[in-house]
Amino acid sequence: MKESEMQSVMEKAQVLIEALPYIQRFNRKIIVVKYGGSAMLDDELKAQVIQDVTLLKLVGFKPIIVHGGGKEISTWVKKSGKEPEFINGLRVTDMETMEIAEMVLNRVNKSLVSMVQRLGVLAVGISGKDGGLLHVDKKYSDGQDIGYVGDVKCVDPKILFDLLEKDFLPIVCPIGIDDNFDTYNINADDAACAIAKAVNAEKLAFLTDIEGVYKDPEDPSTLISELTVSEAKGLIEGGFIGGGMLPKLGNCIDAIDEGVSRVHILDGRIAHCLLLEIFTNKGIGTAILADREEKFYNE
């Protein structure tokens, strides 16, 4: 074997050795992956995300996928002759839009099930209505009625535990029911956070369209690899966090306060971002952890 070939082989071996302690630490632990953003629209990225989650399952993790589909919902709303309407970033969801959203999300859900099973892992696609998984109250936006948009008030995770026990990979679309059994659309970030807390997940990973949390949003070199809850609160209080990252980081802090060990914010547009974040020392996104947790990576 040529020296260059030997070097390449040794580098691959080193990558596997670097992953070993993470595989050992998180073996048989639940990880919730919130899948959304641009990674859902690009077929190649979609295939890579599913490969990552399937690999996590095969090396001993217990992954649960919670997916969105907002951009596809908007596409189908336009096809129906309506114009998508948002108030403070929340979709105004009348009865017709709710029917479209449920149709689209279930379509996305079953396509993800097929992709996982094509890789040899059994998956089951469900919505928050199944088994009474996600119970909601009607959500308002600054007092405004935005229709059938739900705010998760409780989670009954029995169906998820049953599926995990039977070695299935659950894939959840964010639709819930209220006390009258009416159907509501739920923000996928909120659904993933609520589910992660209910199943006492070891990890919650958000696939987004940004690299992670920056100390200075205008300077990509200020990406923070690991961040404690106290440090995250300090960034928020200091005015460093704004826009769509603010509610996302709030969800992260809330999840950790409720017992989730680590929350990861990743750029889903990067190939195999989940594997790179979870199985390498530095990772490529931002990991938020409880103050009591030990950092894996120290600059």
C-alpha atoms as a PDB file:
ATOM      1  CA  MET A   1       0.000   0.000   0.000  1.00  0.00           C
ATOM      2  CA  LYS A   2       1.290   3.450  -0.925  1.00  0.00           C
ATOM      3  CA  GLU A   3       2.168   5.852   1.855  1.00  0.00           C
ATOM      4  CA  SER A   4      -0.604   8.265   0.796  1.00  0.00           C
ATOM      5  CA  GLU A   5      -3.156   5.432   0.840  1.00  0.00           C
ATOM      6  CA  MET A   6      -1.940   4.300   4.252  1.00  0.00           C
ATOM      7  CA  GLN A   7      -2.301   7.859   5.561  1.00  0.00           C
ATOM      8  CA  SER A   8      -5.872   8.006   4.281  1.00  0.00           C
ATOM      9  CA  VAL A   9      -6.723   4.692   5.952  1.00  0.00           C
ATOM     10  CA  MET A  10      -5.188   5.826   9.251  1.00  0.00           C
ATOM     11  CA  GLU A  11      -7.180   9.062   9.152  1.00  0.00           C
ATOM     12  CA  LYS A  12     -10.384   7.065   8.733  1.00  0.00           C
ATOM     13  CA  ALA A  13      -9.394   4.865  11.678  1.00  0.00           C
ATOM     14  CA  GLN A  14      -8.741   7.963  13.792  1.00  0.00           C
ATOM     15  CA  VAL A  15     -12.216   9.288  13.005  1.00  0.00           C
ATOM     16  CA  LEU A  16     -13.753   6.025  14.208  1.00  0.00           C
ATOM     17  CA  ILE A  17     -11.635   6.061  17.394  1.00  0.00           C
ATOM     18  CA  GLU A  18     -12.678   9.667  18.075  1.00  0.00           C
ATOM     19  CA  ALA A  19     -16.327   8.603  17.816  1.00  0.00           C
ATOM     20  CA  LEU A  20     -15.946   5.674  20.257  1.00  0.00           C
ATOM     21  CA  PRO A  21     -16.384   7.532  23.586  1.00  0.00           C
ATOM     22  CA  TYR A  22     -19.503   9.276  22.275  1.00  0.00           C
ATOM     23  CA  ILE A  23     -21.000   5.986  21.116  1.00  0.00           C
ATOM     24  CA  GLN A  24     -20.259   4.503  24.549  1.00  0.00           C
ATOM     25  CA  ARG A  25     -21.662   7.483  26.445  1.00  0.00           C
ATOM     26  CA  PHE A  26     -24.925   7.733  24.518  1.00  0.00           C
ATOM     27  CA  ASN A  27     -25.583   4.054  23.833  1.00  0.00           C
ATOM     28  CA  ARG A  28     -29.306   3.275  24.341  1.00  0.00           C
ATOM     29  CA  LYS A  29     -30.042   6.935  25.087  1.00  0.00           C
ATOM     30  CA  ILE A  30     -32.874   8.824  23.375  1.00  0.00           C
ATOM     31  CA  ILE A  31     -32.011  11.605  20.944  1.00  0.00           C
ATOM     32  CA  VAL A  32     -34.725  13.810  19.432  1.00  0.00           C
ATOM     33  CA  VAL A  33     -33.900  15.314  16.031  1.00  0.00           C
ATOM     34  CA  LYS A  34     -35.944  18.280  14.847  1.00  0.00           C
ATOM     35  CA  TYR A  35     -35.681  18.130  11.069  1.00  0.00           C
ATOM     36  CA  GLY A  36     -36.624  21.188   9.036  1.00  0.00           C
ATOM     37  CA  GLY A  37     -35.382  24.102   6.970  1.00  0.00           C
ATOM     38  CA  SER A  38     -33.527  23.834   3.674  1.00  0.00           C
ATOM     39  CA  ALA A  39     -32.357  20.302   4.470  1.00  0.00           C
ATOM     40  CA  MET A  40     -35.918  19.162   3.764  1.00  0.00           C
ATOM     41  CA  LEU A  41     -36.018  20.673   0.278  1.00  0.00           C
ATOM     42  CA  ASP A  42     -32.763  19.368  -1.195  1.00  0.00           C
ATOM     43  CA  ASP A  43     -32.964  15.661  -2.083  1.00  0.00           C
ATOM     44  CA  GLU A  44     -29.247  15.064  -1.506  1.00  0.00           C
ATOM     45  CA  LEU A  45     -29.282  16.769   1.906  1.00  0.00           C
ATOM     46  CA  LYS A  46     -32.459  14.894   2.824  1.00  0.00           C
ATOM     47  CA  ALA A  47     -30.784  11.583   2.020  1.00  0.00           C
ATOM     48  CA  GLN A  48     -27.737  12.542   4.134  1.00  0.00           C
ATOM     49  CA  VAL A  49     -29.861  13.513   7.141  1.00  0.00           C
ATOM     50  CA  ILE A  50     -31.719  10.215   6.986  1.00  0.00           C
ATOM     51  CA  GLN A  51     -28.405   8.352   6.646  1.00  0.00           C
ATOM     52  CA  ASP A  52     -27.141  10.128   9.776  1.00  0.00           C
ATOM     53  CA  VAL A  53     -30.221   9.297  11.846  1.00  0.00           C
ATOM     54  CA  THR A  54     -30.214   5.699  10.609  1.00  0.00           C
ATOM     55  CA  LEU A  55     -26.546   5.332  11.566  1.00  0.00           C
ATOM     56  CA  LEU A  56     -27.307   6.709  15.035  1.00  0.00           C
ATOM     57  CA  LYS A  57     -29.963   4.024  15.378  1.00  0.00           C
ATOM     58  CA  LEU A  58     -27.666   1.257  14.196  1.00  0.00           C
ATOM     59  CA  VAL A  59     -24.843   2.172  16.610  1.00  0.00           C
ATOM     60  CA  GLY A  60     -27.146   2.063  19.623  1.00  0.00           C
ATOM     61  CA  PHE A  61     -28.898   5.420  19.933  1.00  0.00           C
ATOM     62  CA  LYS A  62     -32.690   5.656  20.163  1.00  0.00           C
ATOM     63  CA  PRO A  63     -33.528   8.474  17.732  1.00  0.00           C
ATOM     64  CA  ILE A  64     -36.909  10.142  17.307  1.00  0.00           C
ATOM     65  CA  ILE A  65     -37.422  12.473  14.333  1.00  0.00           C
ATOM     66  CA  VAL A  66     -39.808  15.424  14.659  1.00  0.00           C
ATOM     67  CA  HIS A  67     -40.156  17.144  11.297  1.00  0.00           C
ATOM     68  CA  GLY A  68     -41.594  20.359   9.947  1.00  0.00           C
ATOM     69  CA  GLY A  69     -42.760  21.177   6.451  1.00  0.00           C
ATOM     70  CA  GLY A  70     -43.643  24.857   6.473  1.00  0.00           C
ATOM     71  CA  LYS A  71     -42.254  25.654   3.041  1.00  0.00           C
ATOM     72  CA  GLU A  72     -44.104  22.764   1.435  1.00  0.00           C
ATOM     73  CA  ILE A  73     -47.304  23.796   3.206  1.00  0.00           C
ATOM     74  CA  SER A  74     -46.941  27.313   1.764  1.00  0.00           C
ATOM     75  CA  THR A  75     -46.450  25.852  -1.716  1.00  0.00           C
ATOM     76  CA  TRP A  76     -49.671  23.837  -1.487  1.00  0.00           C
ATOM     77  CA  VAL A  77     -51.608  26.712   0.059  1.00  0.00           C
ATOM     78  CA  LYS A  78     -50.684  28.800  -2.994  1.00  0.00           C
ATOM     79  CA  LYS A  79     -51.736  25.951  -5.297  1.00  0.00           C
ATOM     80  CA  SER A  80     -55.170  26.032  -3.646  1.00  0.00           C
ATOM     81  CA  GLY A  81     -55.507  29.675  -4.637  1.00  0.00           C
ATOM     82  CA  LYS A  82     -54.832  31.146  -1.201  1.00  0.00           C
ATOM     83  CA  GLU A  83     -51.931  33.344  -0.133  1.00  0.00           C
ATOM     84  CA  PRO A  84     -49.979  32.175   2.947  1.00  0.00           C
ATOM     85  CA  GLU A  85     -50.428  34.625   5.808  1.00  0.00           C
ATOM     86  CA  PHE A  86     -48.209  35.025   8.854  1.00  0.00           C
ATOM     87  CA  ILE A  87     -48.487  37.104  12.021  1.00  0.00           C
ATOM     88  CA  ASN A  88     -45.305  37.473  14.086  1.00  0.00           C
ATOM     89  CA  GLY A  89     -43.823  34.489  12.248  1.00  0.00           C
ATOM     90  CA  LEU A  90     -46.818  32.224  12.957  1.00  0.00           C
ATOM     91  CA  ARG A  91     -48.942  30.856  10.125  1.00  0.00           C
ATOM     92  CA  VAL A  92     -52.563  32.013  10.148  1.00  0.00           C
ATOM     93  CA  THR A  93     -54.351  28.669   9.906  1.00  0.00           C
ATOM     94  CA  ASP A  94     -58.033  28.616   9.018  1.00  0.00           C
ATOM     95  CA  MET A  95     -59.897  25.328   8.542  1.00  0.00           C
ATOM     96  CA  GLU A  96     -58.910  24.965   4.875  1.00  0.00           C
ATOM     97  CA  THR A  97     -55.248  25.752   5.594  1.00  0.00           C
ATOM     98  CA  MET A  98     -55.286  23.235   8.466  1.00  0.00           C
ATOM     99  CA  GLU A  99     -56.548  20.536   6.110  1.00  0.00           C
ATOM    100  CA  ILE A 100     -53.775  21.368   3.636  1.00  0.00           C
ATOM    101  CA  ALA A 101     -51.147  21.393   6.397  1.00  0.00           C
ATOM    102  CA  GLU A 102     -52.223  17.990   7.688  1.00  0.00           C
ATOM    103  CA  MET A 103     -52.195  16.538   4.178  1.00  0.00           C
ATOM    104  CA  VAL A 104     -48.728  17.912   3.403  1.00  0.00           C
ATOM    105  CA  LEU A 105     -47.182  16.960   6.745  1.00  0.00           C
ATOM    106  CA  ASN A 106     -48.497  13.398   6.503  1.00  0.00           C
ATOM    107  CA  ARG A 107     -47.136  13.181   2.949  1.00  0.00           C
ATOM    108  CA  VAL A 108     -43.707  14.343   4.155  1.00  0.00           C
ATOM    109  CA  ASN A 109     -43.921  11.974   7.099  1.00  0.00           C
ATOM    110  CA  LYS A 110     -44.481   8.878   5.008  1.00  0.00           C
ATOM    111  CA  SER A 111     -41.740   9.829   2.550  1.00  0.00           C
ATOM    112  CA  LEU A 112     -39.274   9.971   5.460  1.00  0.00           C
ATOM    113  CA  VAL A 113     -40.496   6.578   6.689  1.00  0.00           C
ATOM    114  CA  SER A 114     -39.788   5.118   3.245  1.00  0.00           C
ATOM    115  CA  MET A 115     -36.298   6.629   3.161  1.00  0.00           C
ATOM    116  CA  VAL A 116     -35.382   5.168   6.564  1.00  0.00           C
ATOM    117  CA  GLN A 117     -36.734   1.732   5.693  1.00  0.00           C
ATOM    118  CA  ARG A 118     -34.822   1.764   2.424  1.00  0.00           C
ATOM    119  CA  LEU A 119     -31.688   1.791   4.602  1.00  0.00           C
ATOM    120  CA  GLY A 120     -32.766  -1.285   6.524  1.00  0.00           C
ATOM    121  CA  VAL A 121     -34.254   0.253   9.686  1.00  0.00           C
ATOM    122  CA  LEU A 122     -37.944  -0.102  10.535  1.00  0.00           C
ATOM    123  CA  ALA A 123     -39.684   3.243  11.054  1.00  0.00           C
ATOM    124  CA  VAL A 124     -43.225   4.254  12.008  1.00  0.00           C
ATOM    125  CA  GLY A 125     -44.686   7.614  11.056  1.00  0.00           C
ATOM    126  CA  ILE A 126     -47.216   9.175  13.401  1.00  0.00           C
ATOM    127  CA  SER A 127     -48.733  12.572  14.109  1.00  0.00           C
ATOM    128  CA  GLY A 128     -49.272  14.121  17.504  1.00  0.00           C
ATOM    129  CA  LYS A 129     -52.898  12.991  17.258  1.00  0.00           C
ATOM    130  CA  ASP A 130     -51.910   9.318  17.383  1.00  0.00           C
ATOM    131  CA  GLY A 131     -52.132   7.813  20.848  1.00  0.00           C
ATOM    132  CA  GLY A 132     -52.946  11.260  22.218  1.00  0.00           C
ATOM    133  CA  LEU A 133     -49.279  12.195  21.915  1.00  0.00           C
ATOM    134  CA  LEU A 134     -49.626  15.989  21.697  1.00  0.00           C
ATOM    135  CA  HIS A 135     -52.388  17.835  23.526  1.00  0.00           C
ATOM    136  CA  VAL A 136     -52.693  21.545  22.799  1.00  0.00           C
ATOM    137  CA  ASP A 137     -54.386  24.752  23.777  1.00  0.00           C
ATOM    138  CA  LYS A 138     -55.269  27.318  21.150  1.00  0.00           C
ATOM    139  CA  LYS A 139     -52.312  29.640  20.572  1.00  0.00           C
ATOM    140  CA  TYR A 140     -52.694  33.394  20.128  1.00  0.00           C
ATOM    141  CA  SER A 141     -50.169  35.834  18.686  1.00  0.00           C
ATOM    142  CA  ASP A 142     -50.069  38.962  20.830  1.00  0.00           C
ATOM    143  CA  GLY A 143     -53.755  38.458  21.525  1.00  0.00           C
ATOM    144  CA  GLN A 144     -54.663  37.904  17.875  1.00  0.00           C
ATOM    145  CA  ASP A 145     -56.625  34.834  16.815  1.00  0.00           C
ATOM    146  CA  ILE A 146     -54.518  32.976  14.226  1.00  0.00           C
ATOM    147  CA  GLY A 147     -56.805  29.991  13.802  1.00  0.00           C
ATOM    148  CA  TYR A 148     -55.890  26.360  14.302  1.00  0.00           C
ATOM    149  CA  VAL A 149     -52.422  26.887  15.751  1.00  0.00           C
ATOM    150  CA  GLY A 150     -51.692  24.918  18.901  1.00  0.00           C
ATOM    151  CA  ASP A 151     -49.571  25.520  21.962  1.00  0.00           C
ATOM    152  CA  VAL A 152     -48.438  22.193  23.474  1.00  0.00           C
ATOM    153  CA  LYS A 153     -49.828  21.858  26.996  1.00  0.00           C
ATOM    154  CA  CYS A 154     -48.989  18.202  27.652  1.00  0.00           C
ATOM    155  CA  VAL A 155     -47.365  15.183  26.018  1.00  0.00           C
ATOM    156  CA  ASP A 156     -48.344  11.544  26.493  1.00  0.00           C
ATOM    157  CA  PRO A 157     -45.191   9.725  25.339  1.00  0.00           C
ATOM    158  CA  LYS A 158     -46.511   6.158  25.769  1.00  0.00           C
ATOM    159  CA  ILE A 159     -46.756   5.532  22.026  1.00  0.00           C
ATOM    160  CA  LEU A 160     -43.138   6.675  21.571  1.00  0.00           C
ATOM    161  CA  PHE A 161     -41.842   4.433  24.365  1.00  0.00           C
ATOM    162  CA  ASP A 162     -43.793   1.513  22.910  1.00  0.00           C
ATOM    163  CA  LEU A 163     -42.273   2.061  19.460  1.00  0.00           C
ATOM    164  CA  LEU A 164     -38.740   2.457  20.840  1.00  0.00           C
ATOM    165  CA  GLU A 165     -39.130  -0.697  22.929  1.00  0.00           C
ATOM    166  CA  LYS A 166     -40.118  -2.614  19.789  1.00  0.00           C
ATOM    167  CA  ASP A 167     -37.009  -1.228  18.023  1.00  0.00           C
ATOM    168  CA  PHE A 168     -38.859   1.107  15.635  1.00  0.00           C
ATOM    169  CA  LEU A 169     -37.632   4.580  14.718  1.00  0.00           C
ATOM    170  CA  PRO A 170     -40.559   6.986  15.381  1.00  0.00           C
ATOM    171  CA  ILE A 171     -41.080   9.872  12.943  1.00  0.00           C
ATOM    172  CA  VAL A 172     -43.499  12.517  14.227  1.00  0.00           C
ATOM    173  CA  CYS A 173     -45.285  15.315  12.379  1.00  0.00           C
ATOM    174  CA  PRO A 174     -46.315  18.282  14.548  1.00  0.00           C
ATOM    175  CA  ILE A 175     -50.103  18.068  14.605  1.00  0.00           C
ATOM    176  CA  GLY A 176     -52.044  17.880  17.859  1.00  0.00           C
ATOM    177  CA  ILE A 177     -55.538  17.882  19.301  1.00  0.00           C
ATOM    178  CA  ASP A 178     -57.290  20.053  21.874  1.00  0.00           C
ATOM    179  CA  ASP A 179     -59.767  19.018  24.551  1.00  0.00           C
ATOM    180  CA  ASN A 180     -62.544  18.973  21.924  1.00  0.00           C
ATOM    181  CA  PHE A 181     -60.418  16.735  19.645  1.00  0.00           C
ATOM    182  CA  ASP A 182     -60.089  19.488  17.053  1.00  0.00           C
ATOM    183  CA  THR A 183     -56.895  19.375  14.976  1.00  0.00           C
ATOM    184  CA  TYR A 184     -54.160  22.000  15.363  1.00  0.00           C
ATOM    185  CA  ASN A 185     -50.893  22.770  13.623  1.00  0.00           C
ATOM    186  CA  ILE A 186     -47.886  23.081  15.979  1.00  0.00           C
ATOM    187  CA  ASN A 187     -44.561  24.812  15.495  1.00  0.00           C
ATOM    188  CA  ALA A 188     -42.110  21.944  14.910  1.00  0.00           C
ATOM    189  CA  ASP A 189     -39.473  23.443  17.246  1.00  0.00           C
ATOM    190  CA  ASP A 190     -42.042  23.599  20.046  1.00  0.00           C
ATOM    191  CA  ALA A 191     -43.206  20.035  19.365  1.00  0.00           C
ATOM    192  CA  ALA A 192     -39.654  18.676  19.359  1.00  0.00           C
ATOM    193  CA  CYS A 193     -38.825  20.478  22.595  1.00  0.00           C
ATOM    194  CA  ALA A 194     -41.972  19.204  24.322  1.00  0.00           C
ATOM    195  CA  ILE A 195     -41.345  15.635  23.157  1.00  0.00           C
ATOM    196  CA  ALA A 196     -37.676  15.729  24.216  1.00  0.00           C
ATOM    197  CA  LYS A 197     -38.703  16.789  27.718  1.00  0.00           C
ATOM    198  CA  ALA A 198     -41.459  14.164  27.946  1.00  0.00           C
ATOM    199  CA  VAL A 199     -39.198  11.252  26.969  1.00  0.00           C
ATOM    200  CA  ASN A 200     -36.283  12.581  29.059  1.00  0.00           C
ATOM    201  CA  ALA A 201     -34.060  12.689  25.974  1.00  0.00           C
ATOM    202  CA  GLU A 202     -30.319  12.762  26.409  1.00  0.00           C
ATOM    203  CA  LYS A 203     -29.995  15.008  23.354  1.00  0.00           C
ATOM    204  CA  LEU A 204     -32.168  17.328  21.295  1.00  0.00           C
ATOM    205  CA  ALA A 205     -30.779  18.440  17.926  1.00  0.00           C
ATOM    206  CA  PHE A 206     -32.253  21.268  15.844  1.00  0.00           C
ATOM    207  CA  LEU A 207     -31.364  21.199  12.128  1.00  0.00           C
ATOM    208  CA  THR A 208     -31.616  24.807  10.976  1.00  0.00           C
ATOM    209  CA  ASP A 209     -30.434  27.147   8.223  1.00  0.00           C
ATOM    210  CA  ILE A 210     -27.703  28.708  10.379  1.00  0.00           C
ATOM    211  CA  GLU A 211     -24.406  27.323  11.667  1.00  0.00           C
ATOM    212  CA  GLY A 212     -25.212  27.785  15.346  1.00  0.00           C
ATOM    213  CA  VAL A 213     -24.989  30.523  17.974  1.00  0.00           C
ATOM    214  CA  TYR A 214     -22.588  33.416  17.359  1.00  0.00           C
ATOM    215  CA  LYS A 215     -21.189  35.847  19.921  1.00  0.00           C
ATOM    216  CA  ASP A 216     -21.373  38.367  17.083  1.00  0.00           C
ATOM    217  CA  PRO A 217     -23.993  37.462  14.431  1.00  0.00           C
ATOM    218  CA  GLU A 218     -22.069  39.554  11.875  1.00  0.00           C
ATOM    219  CA  ASP A 219     -18.830  37.603  12.401  1.00  0.00           C
ATOM    220  CA  PRO A 220     -18.891  33.867  11.457  1.00  0.00           C
ATOM    221  CA  SER A 221     -15.588  33.349  13.298  1.00  0.00           C
ATOM    222  CA  THR A 222     -17.412  33.903  16.621  1.00  0.00           C
ATOM    223  CA  LEU A 223     -19.377  30.631  16.381  1.00  0.00           C
ATOM    224  CA  ILE A 224     -19.624  29.147  19.883  1.00  0.00           C
ATOM    225  CA  SER A 225     -19.032  25.379  20.042  1.00  0.00           C
ATOM    226  CA  GLU A 226     -20.350  24.830  23.566  1.00  0.00           C
ATOM    227  CA  LEU A 227     -22.512  27.056  25.709  1.00  0.00           C
ATOM    228  CA  THR A 228     -23.863  26.555  29.231  1.00  0.00           C
ATOM    229  CA  VAL A 229     -27.388  27.646  30.121  1.00  0.00           C
ATOM    230  CA  SER A 230     -25.994  30.504  32.209  1.00  0.00           C
ATOM    231  CA  GLU A 231     -23.838  31.664  29.310  1.00  0.00           C
ATOM    232  CA  ALA A 232     -26.822  31.418  26.932  1.00  0.00           C
ATOM    233  CA  LYS A 233     -28.970  33.518  29.277  1.00  0.00           C
ATOM    234  CA  GLY A 234     -26.126  36.027  29.478  1.00  0.00           C
ATOM    235  CA  LEU A 235     -26.042  36.365  25.688  1.00  0.00           C
ATOM    236  CA  ILE A 236     -29.804  36.926  25.598  1.00  0.00           C
ATOM    237  CA  GLU A 237     -29.714  39.482  28.405  1.00  0.00           C
ATOM    238  CA  GLY A 238     -26.757  41.209  26.742  1.00  0.00           C
ATOM    239  CA  GLY A 239     -28.736  41.682  23.538  1.00  0.00           C
ATOM    240  CA  PHE A 240     -26.462  39.447  21.449  1.00  0.00           C
ATOM    241  CA  ILE A 241     -29.335  37.140  20.378  1.00  0.00           C
ATOM    242  CA  GLY A 242     -32.204  38.271  18.179  1.00  0.00           C
ATOM    243  CA  GLY A 243     -34.515  37.272  15.349  1.00  0.00           C
ATOM    244  CA  GLY A 244     -35.471  33.627  14.955  1.00  0.00           C
ATOM    245  CA  MET A 245     -32.609  32.490  17.181  1.00  0.00           C
ATOM    246  CA  LEU A 246     -34.209  34.054  20.253  1.00  0.00           C
ATOM    247  CA  PRO A 247     -37.202  31.672  20.572  1.00  0.00           C
ATOM    248  CA  LYS A 248     -35.017  28.731  19.479  1.00  0.00           C
ATOM    249  CA  LEU A 249     -32.455  29.418  22.203  1.00  0.00           C
ATOM    250  CA  GLY A 250     -35.328  29.883  24.657  1.00  0.00           C
ATOM    251  CA  ASN A 251     -36.584  26.409  23.703  1.00  0.00           C
ATOM    252  CA  CYS A 252     -33.080  25.015  24.254  1.00  0.00           C
ATOM    253  CA  ILE A 253     -32.815  26.520  27.736  1.00  0.00           C
ATOM    254  CA  ASP A 254     -36.305  25.288  28.621  1.00  0.00           C
ATOM    255  CA  ALA A 255     -35.491  21.738  27.454  1.00  0.00           C
ATOM    256  CA  ILE A 256     -32.313  21.604  29.532  1.00  0.00           C
ATOM    257  CA  ASP A 257     -34.102  22.992  32.595  1.00  0.00           C
ATOM    258  CA  GLU A 258     -36.556  20.100  32.169  1.00  0.00           C
ATOM    259  CA  GLY A 259     -33.826  17.444  32.130  1.00  0.00           C
ATOM    260  CA  VAL A 260     -32.506  17.168  28.556  1.00  0.00           C
ATOM    261  CA  SER A 261     -28.732  16.787  28.849  1.00  0.00           C
ATOM    262  CA  ARG A 262     -27.594  18.614  25.706  1.00  0.00           C
ATOM    263  CA  VAL A 263     -29.249  20.567  22.921  1.00  0.00           C
ATOM    264  CA  HIS A 264     -27.509  21.037  19.571  1.00  0.00           C
ATOM    265  CA  ILE A 265     -28.177  23.778  17.012  1.00  0.00           C
ATOM    266  CA  LEU A 266     -26.803  22.680  13.627  1.00  0.00           C
ATOM    267  CA  ASP A 267     -26.698  23.876  10.048  1.00  0.00           C
ATOM    268  CA  GLY A 268     -28.750  21.271   8.213  1.00  0.00           C
ATOM    269  CA  ARG A 269     -27.294  22.471   4.907  1.00  0.00           C
ATOM    270  CA  ILE A 270     -23.934  20.900   5.829  1.00  0.00           C
ATOM    271  CA  ALA A 271     -23.616  17.287   4.722  1.00  0.00           C
ATOM    272  CA  HIS A 272     -23.764  14.817   7.635  1.00  0.00           C
ATOM    273  CA  CYS A 273     -23.944  17.622  10.192  1.00  0.00           C
ATOM    274  CA  LEU A 274     -25.444  15.329  12.824  1.00  0.00           C
ATOM    275  CA  LEU A 275     -22.550  12.884  12.717  1.00  0.00           C
ATOM    276  CA  LEU A 276     -19.959  15.659  12.686  1.00  0.00           C
ATOM    277  CA  GLU A 277     -21.530  17.334  15.719  1.00  0.00           C
ATOM    278  CA  ILE A 278     -22.176  14.252  17.821  1.00  0.00           C
ATOM    279  CA  PHE A 279     -19.143  12.107  17.042  1.00  0.00           C
ATOM    280  CA  THR A 280     -16.278  14.631  16.898  1.00  0.00           C
ATOM    281  CA  ASN A 281     -14.602  16.532  19.727  1.00  0.00           C
ATOM    282  CA  LYS A 282     -15.292  20.053  18.509  1.00  0.00           C
ATOM    283  CA  GLY A 283     -18.344  19.446  16.347  1.00  0.00           C
ATOM    284  CA  ILE A 284     -19.598  21.967  13.806  1.00  0.00           C
ATOM    285  CA  GLY A 285     -22.573  23.638  15.485  1.00  0.00           C
ATOM    286  CA  THR A 286     -23.412  24.864  18.970  1.00  0.00           C
ATOM    287  CA  ALA A 287     -24.081  22.541  21.896  1.00  0.00           C
ATOM    288  CA  ILE A 288     -26.023  24.011  24.815  1.00  0.00           C
ATOM    289  CA  LEU A 289     -25.642  22.170  28.105  1.00  0.00           C
ATOM    290  CA  ALA A 290     -26.631  22.425  31.749  1.00  0.00           C
ATOM    291  CA  ASP A 291     -24.258  24.342  34.024  1.00  0.00           C
ATOM    292  CA  ARG A 292     -23.462  21.111  35.880  1.00  0.00           C
ATOM    293  CA  GLU A 293     -22.397  19.296  32.692  1.00  0.00           C
ATOM    294  CA  GLU A 294     -18.751  19.032  31.696  1.00  0.00           C
ATOM    295  CA  LYS A 295     -17.771  20.602  28.385  1.00  0.00           C
ATOM    296  CA  PHE A 296     -16.334  18.172  25.828  1.00  0.00           C
ATOM    297  CA  TYR A 297     -14.425  20.831  23.960  1.00  0.00           C
ATOM    298  CA  ASN A 298     -12.366  23.632  25.495  1.00  0.00           C
ATOM    299  CA  GLU A 299     -10.742  26.226  23.310  1.00  0.00           C
END
